[in-house]
Amino acid sequence: MSASPNPVELSFDLAAMRCADLTPLVYQRLFREHPEAQAMFRSQGSELVQGSMLALTIEAILDFAGTRSGHFRLIACEVSSHDAYGTPRELFIAFFAVIRDTLRDLLGDDWSPDVARAWDKLLADIEAFASVLA
């Protein structure tokens, strides 16, 4: 497998070699760091919703960090949807950092300075993008 030149994409590629499903790790961290988020998910069927939500978010992240061919626009749609659900904007943005932190823990020593810088820039760019939607 050839490594991606995009450090954000590389972090997902490396994580995929270590973990078949990031969903439980991401949501355990989200609910630990933001317990208020757990009440936003219904008790029945929430695993399917969480998995779908994470998959779409990862697709948007990869596009936002890469070619921006259109999937990143999901972020704008979801900002509006989550605003309508009553999700605080800070919590919406925090979900991206939860994904980053989950990957960082999973990658351990493979979390390079290049990957860290790329994620820092990505999170700042996503926050700026979401803030103009307010």
N, C-alpha and C. Protein backbone atom coordinates (compact mmCIF):
# COMPACT_ATOMS: atom_id res chain seq x y z
N MET A 1 0.85 -1.18 0.00
CA MET A 1 0.00 0.00 0.00
C MET A 1 0.89 1.23 0.00
N SER A 2 0.65 2.15 -0.91
CA SER A 2 1.43 3.37 -0.93
C SER A 2 0.79 4.40 -0.01
N ALA A 3 1.65 5.09 0.70
CA ALA A 3 1.17 6.08 1.66
C ALA A 3 0.70 7.33 0.94
N SER A 4 -0.32 7.94 1.48
CA SER A 4 -0.86 9.16 0.91
C SER A 4 0.07 10.32 1.23
N PRO A 5 0.27 11.24 0.29
CA PRO A 5 1.07 12.42 0.59
C PRO A 5 0.32 13.41 1.50
N ASN A 6 -1.00 13.24 1.61
CA ASN A 6 -1.80 14.10 2.47
C ASN A 6 -1.73 13.55 3.90
N PRO A 7 -1.16 14.32 4.84
CA PRO A 7 -0.99 13.80 6.20
C PRO A 7 -2.30 13.43 6.90
N VAL A 8 -3.38 14.15 6.63
CA VAL A 8 -4.66 13.81 7.24
C VAL A 8 -5.15 12.47 6.71
N GLU A 9 -5.07 12.31 5.40
CA GLU A 9 -5.46 11.04 4.79
C GLU A 9 -4.57 9.91 5.31
N LEU A 10 -3.28 10.19 5.42
CA LEU A 10 -2.35 9.19 5.95
C LEU A 10 -2.75 8.75 7.35
N SER A 11 -3.20 9.68 8.18
CA SER A 11 -3.59 9.32 9.54
C SER A 11 -4.77 8.34 9.52
N PHE A 12 -5.71 8.53 8.60
CA PHE A 12 -6.83 7.59 8.48
C PHE A 12 -6.36 6.25 7.91
N ASP A 13 -5.43 6.29 6.94
CA ASP A 13 -4.90 5.04 6.37
C ASP A 13 -4.21 4.21 7.45
N LEU A 14 -3.40 4.86 8.26
CA LEU A 14 -2.69 4.15 9.33
C LEU A 14 -3.68 3.61 10.37
N ALA A 15 -4.67 4.40 10.69
CA ALA A 15 -5.68 3.96 11.66
C ALA A 15 -6.44 2.75 11.14
N ALA A 16 -6.73 2.73 9.85
CA ALA A 16 -7.47 1.61 9.26
C ALA A 16 -6.69 0.31 9.36
N MET A 17 -5.37 0.41 9.38
CA MET A 17 -4.55 -0.80 9.53
C MET A 17 -4.57 -1.33 10.97
N ARG A 18 -4.97 -0.48 11.91
CA ARG A 18 -4.96 -0.85 13.32
C ARG A 18 -6.35 -1.15 13.88
N CYS A 19 -7.36 -0.62 13.23
CA CYS A 19 -8.70 -0.67 13.80
C CYS A 19 -9.73 -0.78 12.68
N ALA A 20 -10.57 -1.81 12.76
CA ALA A 20 -11.57 -2.02 11.72
C ALA A 20 -12.70 -1.00 11.78
N ASP A 21 -13.00 -0.49 12.96
CA ASP A 21 -14.13 0.43 13.12
C ASP A 21 -13.80 1.46 14.19
N LEU A 22 -13.64 2.69 13.76
CA LEU A 22 -13.33 3.79 14.69
C LEU A 22 -14.53 4.22 15.51
N THR A 23 -15.73 3.84 15.08
CA THR A 23 -16.95 4.36 15.70
C THR A 23 -16.97 4.23 17.21
N PRO A 24 -16.76 3.03 17.77
CA PRO A 24 -16.84 2.95 19.24
C PRO A 24 -15.79 3.81 19.94
N LEU A 25 -14.59 3.88 19.37
CA LEU A 25 -13.53 4.68 20.00
C LEU A 25 -13.87 6.17 19.97
N VAL A 26 -14.37 6.63 18.84
CA VAL A 26 -14.70 8.05 18.69
C VAL A 26 -15.84 8.43 19.64
N TYR A 27 -16.88 7.62 19.69
CA TYR A 27 -18.03 7.98 20.52
C TYR A 27 -17.77 7.78 22.01
N GLN A 28 -16.93 6.83 22.37
CA GLN A 28 -16.55 6.72 23.79
C GLN A 28 -15.85 8.00 24.23
N ARG A 29 -14.93 8.48 23.39
CA ARG A 29 -14.21 9.72 23.71
C ARG A 29 -15.17 10.91 23.72
N LEU A 30 -16.04 10.99 22.73
CA LEU A 30 -17.00 12.11 22.66
C LEU A 30 -17.84 12.15 23.93
N PHE A 31 -18.39 11.02 24.34
CA PHE A 31 -19.28 10.99 25.50
C PHE A 31 -18.51 11.20 26.81
N ARG A 32 -17.23 10.80 26.83
CA ARG A 32 -16.41 11.04 28.01
C ARG A 32 -16.07 12.53 28.13
N GLU A 33 -15.69 13.15 27.02
CA GLU A 33 -15.28 14.55 27.04
C GLU A 33 -16.46 15.52 26.99
N HIS A 34 -17.57 15.07 26.42
CA HIS A 34 -18.77 15.92 26.27
C HIS A 34 -20.00 15.08 26.63
N PRO A 35 -20.19 14.81 27.93
CA PRO A 35 -21.30 13.93 28.34
C PRO A 35 -22.67 14.42 27.86
N GLU A 36 -22.81 15.71 27.65
CA GLU A 36 -24.08 16.26 27.18
C GLU A 36 -24.44 15.73 25.79
N ALA A 37 -23.46 15.28 25.03
CA ALA A 37 -23.71 14.78 23.69
C ALA A 37 -24.46 13.45 23.70
N GLN A 38 -24.28 12.66 24.73
CA GLN A 38 -24.91 11.34 24.77
C GLN A 38 -26.43 11.44 24.76
N ALA A 39 -26.97 12.44 25.42
CA ALA A 39 -28.42 12.60 25.47
C ALA A 39 -29.01 12.99 24.11
N MET A 40 -28.16 13.40 23.18
CA MET A 40 -28.64 13.80 21.85
C MET A 40 -28.90 12.61 20.93
N PHE A 41 -28.51 11.43 21.38
CA PHE A 41 -28.72 10.22 20.59
C PHE A 41 -29.79 9.38 21.24
N ARG A 42 -30.71 8.88 20.43
CA ARG A 42 -31.74 7.99 20.97
C ARG A 42 -31.08 6.69 21.43
N SER A 43 -31.73 6.00 22.33
CA SER A 43 -31.13 4.79 22.86
C SER A 43 -31.20 3.62 21.88
N GLN A 44 -32.28 3.50 21.12
CA GLN A 44 -32.43 2.40 20.16
C GLN A 44 -31.85 2.80 18.81
N GLY A 45 -30.96 1.97 18.29
CA GLY A 45 -30.42 2.21 16.96
C GLY A 45 -29.36 3.29 16.86
N SER A 46 -28.88 3.77 17.98
CA SER A 46 -27.92 4.88 17.91
C SER A 46 -26.58 4.44 17.31
N GLU A 47 -26.25 3.15 17.41
CA GLU A 47 -24.98 2.70 16.84
C GLU A 47 -24.97 2.90 15.32
N LEU A 48 -26.11 2.63 14.68
CA LEU A 48 -26.19 2.83 13.23
C LEU A 48 -26.07 4.31 12.87
N VAL A 49 -26.74 5.15 13.64
CA VAL A 49 -26.68 6.59 13.41
C VAL A 49 -25.25 7.09 13.62
N GLN A 50 -24.61 6.62 14.69
CA GLN A 50 -23.24 7.05 14.98
C GLN A 50 -22.28 6.61 13.88
N GLY A 51 -22.41 5.37 13.43
CA GLY A 51 -21.53 4.88 12.37
C GLY A 51 -21.71 5.65 11.09
N SER A 52 -22.95 5.92 10.73
CA SER A 52 -23.24 6.69 9.53
C SER A 52 -22.72 8.12 9.65
N MET A 53 -22.96 8.72 10.80
CA MET A 53 -22.51 10.10 11.03
C MET A 53 -20.98 10.18 10.94
N LEU A 54 -20.29 9.22 11.53
CA LEU A 54 -18.83 9.23 11.49
C LEU A 54 -18.33 9.01 10.07
N ALA A 55 -18.93 8.08 9.34
CA ALA A 55 -18.49 7.82 7.96
C ALA A 55 -18.64 9.07 7.09
N LEU A 56 -19.77 9.75 7.21
CA LEU A 56 -19.98 10.97 6.44
C LEU A 56 -19.01 12.07 6.86
N THR A 57 -18.73 12.15 8.15
CA THR A 57 -17.80 13.16 8.65
C THR A 57 -16.39 12.90 8.13
N ILE A 58 -15.97 11.63 8.14
CA ILE A 58 -14.65 11.29 7.63
C ILE A 58 -14.55 11.62 6.15
N GLU A 59 -15.59 11.31 5.39
CA GLU A 59 -15.61 11.64 3.97
C GLU A 59 -15.47 13.16 3.76
N ALA A 60 -16.18 13.93 4.57
CA ALA A 60 -16.10 15.40 4.47
C ALA A 60 -14.71 15.89 4.89
N ILE A 61 -14.15 15.32 5.94
CA ILE A 61 -12.80 15.70 6.39
C ILE A 61 -11.78 15.45 5.29
N LEU A 62 -11.84 14.26 4.69
CA LEU A 62 -10.86 13.92 3.66
C LEU A 62 -10.97 14.86 2.46
N ASP A 63 -12.18 15.22 2.09
CA ASP A 63 -12.36 16.16 0.99
C ASP A 63 -11.91 17.56 1.38
N PHE A 64 -12.23 17.98 2.59
CA PHE A 64 -11.85 19.31 3.06
C PHE A 64 -10.33 19.44 3.13
N ALA A 65 -9.66 18.35 3.55
CA ALA A 65 -8.20 18.36 3.67
C ALA A 65 -7.51 18.12 2.33
N GLY A 66 -8.30 17.72 1.32
CA GLY A 66 -7.72 17.37 0.03
C GLY A 66 -8.21 18.26 -1.10
N THR A 67 -8.93 17.66 -2.01
CA THR A 67 -9.28 18.34 -3.26
C THR A 67 -10.47 19.27 -3.18
N ARG A 68 -11.25 19.15 -2.13
CA ARG A 68 -12.48 19.94 -1.97
C ARG A 68 -13.36 19.84 -3.22
N SER A 69 -13.62 18.60 -3.57
CA SER A 69 -14.43 18.33 -4.77
C SER A 69 -15.92 18.41 -4.51
N GLY A 70 -16.32 18.58 -3.28
CA GLY A 70 -17.74 18.76 -3.01
C GLY A 70 -18.22 18.12 -1.72
N HIS A 71 -17.62 16.99 -1.31
CA HIS A 71 -18.09 16.32 -0.10
C HIS A 71 -17.93 17.18 1.15
N PHE A 72 -16.97 18.10 1.13
CA PHE A 72 -16.76 18.96 2.29
C PHE A 72 -17.98 19.84 2.55
N ARG A 73 -18.80 20.05 1.53
CA ARG A 73 -19.99 20.90 1.70
C ARG A 73 -20.97 20.29 2.70
N LEU A 74 -20.82 19.00 2.97
CA LEU A 74 -21.63 18.35 3.99
C LEU A 74 -21.47 19.06 5.33
N ILE A 75 -20.29 19.59 5.58
CA ILE A 75 -20.04 20.30 6.84
C ILE A 75 -21.00 21.48 6.95
N ALA A 76 -21.16 22.24 5.88
CA ALA A 76 -22.07 23.38 5.90
C ALA A 76 -23.51 22.93 6.14
N CYS A 77 -23.90 21.85 5.47
CA CYS A 77 -25.27 21.33 5.66
C CYS A 77 -25.48 20.88 7.10
N GLU A 78 -24.48 20.20 7.64
CA GLU A 78 -24.62 19.67 9.00
C GLU A 78 -24.54 20.77 10.06
N VAL A 79 -23.83 21.85 9.78
CA VAL A 79 -23.86 22.99 10.72
C VAL A 79 -25.30 23.46 10.86
N SER A 80 -25.99 23.64 9.74
CA SER A 80 -27.38 24.09 9.77
C SER A 80 -28.28 23.07 10.45
N SER A 81 -28.12 21.79 10.11
CA SER A 81 -28.94 20.74 10.72
C SER A 81 -28.74 20.69 12.23
N HIS A 82 -27.48 20.72 12.64
CA HIS A 82 -27.19 20.63 14.07
C HIS A 82 -27.64 21.88 14.81
N ASP A 83 -27.57 23.04 14.15
CA ASP A 83 -28.14 24.25 14.75
C ASP A 83 -29.63 24.04 15.00
N ALA A 84 -30.31 23.46 14.02
CA ALA A 84 -31.76 23.23 14.15
C ALA A 84 -32.07 22.22 15.25
N TYR A 85 -31.17 21.24 15.45
CA TYR A 85 -31.36 20.26 16.53
C TYR A 85 -31.08 20.86 17.90
N GLY A 86 -30.46 22.04 17.91
CA GLY A 86 -30.09 22.66 19.18
C GLY A 86 -28.71 22.28 19.66
N THR A 87 -27.91 21.69 18.77
CA THR A 87 -26.54 21.33 19.12
C THR A 87 -25.70 22.59 19.17
N PRO A 88 -25.05 22.86 20.29
CA PRO A 88 -24.17 24.04 20.35
C PRO A 88 -23.08 23.95 19.28
N ARG A 89 -22.79 25.06 18.65
CA ARG A 89 -21.77 25.10 17.59
C ARG A 89 -20.43 24.58 18.10
N GLU A 90 -20.11 24.90 19.35
CA GLU A 90 -18.85 24.46 19.94
C GLU A 90 -18.78 22.94 19.99
N LEU A 91 -19.89 22.29 20.30
CA LEU A 91 -19.93 20.84 20.37
C LEU A 91 -19.80 20.25 18.96
N PHE A 92 -20.45 20.87 18.00
CA PHE A 92 -20.33 20.42 16.61
C PHE A 92 -18.87 20.44 16.18
N ILE A 93 -18.18 21.53 16.43
CA ILE A 93 -16.77 21.68 16.06
C ILE A 93 -15.90 20.71 16.87
N ALA A 94 -16.24 20.50 18.13
CA ALA A 94 -15.45 19.61 19.00
C ALA A 94 -15.41 18.18 18.46
N PHE A 95 -16.45 17.77 17.73
CA PHE A 95 -16.49 16.41 17.19
C PHE A 95 -15.28 16.14 16.29
N PHE A 96 -14.86 17.14 15.52
CA PHE A 96 -13.70 16.98 14.65
C PHE A 96 -12.43 16.77 15.46
N ALA A 97 -12.30 17.51 16.56
CA ALA A 97 -11.13 17.34 17.43
C ALA A 97 -11.16 15.98 18.12
N VAL A 98 -12.34 15.48 18.45
CA VAL A 98 -12.47 14.15 19.05
C VAL A 98 -11.96 13.09 18.06
N ILE A 99 -12.30 13.25 16.80
CA ILE A 99 -11.81 12.31 15.78
C ILE A 99 -10.28 12.39 15.71
N ARG A 100 -9.75 13.60 15.66
CA ARG A 100 -8.29 13.77 15.62
C ARG A 100 -7.62 13.12 16.82
N ASP A 101 -8.15 13.37 18.01
CA ASP A 101 -7.54 12.84 19.22
C ASP A 101 -7.62 11.32 19.28
N THR A 102 -8.70 10.77 18.75
CA THR A 102 -8.84 9.31 18.69
C THR A 102 -7.78 8.73 17.76
N LEU A 103 -7.60 9.35 16.61
CA LEU A 103 -6.57 8.89 15.68
C LEU A 103 -5.18 9.02 16.29
N ARG A 104 -4.93 10.14 16.95
CA ARG A 104 -3.61 10.36 17.56
C ARG A 104 -3.29 9.27 18.58
N ASP A 105 -4.27 8.93 19.41
CA ASP A 105 -4.04 7.87 20.40
C ASP A 105 -3.83 6.52 19.73
N LEU A 106 -4.58 6.26 18.68
CA LEU A 106 -4.48 5.00 17.97
C LEU A 106 -3.14 4.87 17.25
N LEU A 107 -2.64 5.97 16.69
CA LEU A 107 -1.40 5.93 15.93
C LEU A 107 -0.15 5.92 16.80
N GLY A 108 -0.24 6.45 18.00
CA GLY A 108 0.92 6.45 18.89
C GLY A 108 2.13 7.10 18.26
N ASP A 109 3.22 6.35 18.15
CA ASP A 109 4.48 6.89 17.61
C ASP A 109 4.40 7.25 16.13
N ASP A 110 3.40 6.74 15.43
CA ASP A 110 3.24 7.09 14.02
C ASP A 110 2.54 8.43 13.81
N TRP A 111 2.13 9.07 14.92
CA TRP A 111 1.54 10.41 14.84
C TRP A 111 2.70 11.39 14.71
N SER A 112 3.03 11.75 13.49
CA SER A 112 4.21 12.56 13.21
C SER A 112 3.92 14.05 13.38
N PRO A 113 4.97 14.86 13.47
CA PRO A 113 4.77 16.31 13.51
C PRO A 113 4.03 16.83 12.26
N ASP A 114 4.29 16.23 11.09
CA ASP A 114 3.58 16.64 9.87
C ASP A 114 2.09 16.36 9.99
N VAL A 115 1.74 15.20 10.52
CA VAL A 115 0.34 14.85 10.70
C VAL A 115 -0.30 15.79 11.72
N ALA A 116 0.40 16.07 12.81
CA ALA A 116 -0.13 16.96 13.85
C ALA A 116 -0.38 18.36 13.28
N ARG A 117 0.57 18.88 12.52
CA ARG A 117 0.40 20.22 11.91
C ARG A 117 -0.76 20.23 10.92
N ALA A 118 -0.87 19.18 10.13
CA ALA A 118 -1.96 19.13 9.15
C ALA A 118 -3.31 19.10 9.84
N TRP A 119 -3.42 18.34 10.93
CA TRP A 119 -4.68 18.29 11.67
C TRP A 119 -4.97 19.63 12.36
N ASP A 120 -3.94 20.27 12.91
CA ASP A 120 -4.15 21.58 13.55
C ASP A 120 -4.69 22.58 12.53
N LYS A 121 -4.10 22.59 11.33
CA LYS A 121 -4.56 23.49 10.27
C LYS A 121 -5.98 23.12 9.85
N LEU A 122 -6.23 21.84 9.68
CA LEU A 122 -7.56 21.39 9.28
C LEU A 122 -8.62 21.83 10.28
N LEU A 123 -8.37 21.63 11.56
CA LEU A 123 -9.35 22.00 12.58
C LEU A 123 -9.59 23.51 12.59
N ALA A 124 -8.52 24.29 12.44
CA ALA A 124 -8.68 25.75 12.38
C ALA A 124 -9.48 26.15 11.14
N ASP A 125 -9.21 25.50 10.02
CA ASP A 125 -9.93 25.81 8.78
C ASP A 125 -11.40 25.43 8.88
N ILE A 126 -11.69 24.27 9.49
CA ILE A 126 -13.09 23.86 9.65
C ILE A 126 -13.82 24.82 10.58
N GLU A 127 -13.18 25.22 11.65
CA GLU A 127 -13.82 26.16 12.57
C GLU A 127 -14.10 27.49 11.87
N ALA A 128 -13.14 27.97 11.07
CA ALA A 128 -13.34 29.22 10.33
C ALA A 128 -14.47 29.07 9.31
N PHE A 129 -14.49 27.93 8.63
CA PHE A 129 -15.53 27.66 7.63
C PHE A 129 -16.90 27.64 8.30
N ALA A 130 -17.00 26.97 9.43
CA ALA A 130 -18.29 26.88 10.13
C ALA A 130 -18.72 28.22 10.71
N SER A 131 -17.76 29.05 11.09
CA SER A 131 -18.11 30.33 11.72
C SER A 131 -18.71 31.31 10.71
N VAL A 132 -18.33 31.21 9.44
CA VAL A 132 -18.92 32.11 8.45
C VAL A 132 -20.33 31.69 8.09
N LEU A 133 -20.74 30.52 8.53
CA LEU A 133 -22.09 30.03 8.26
C LEU A 133 -23.10 30.49 9.30
N ALA A 134 -22.61 31.14 10.33
CA ALA A 134 -23.48 31.56 11.43
C ALA A 134 -24.45 32.65 11.01
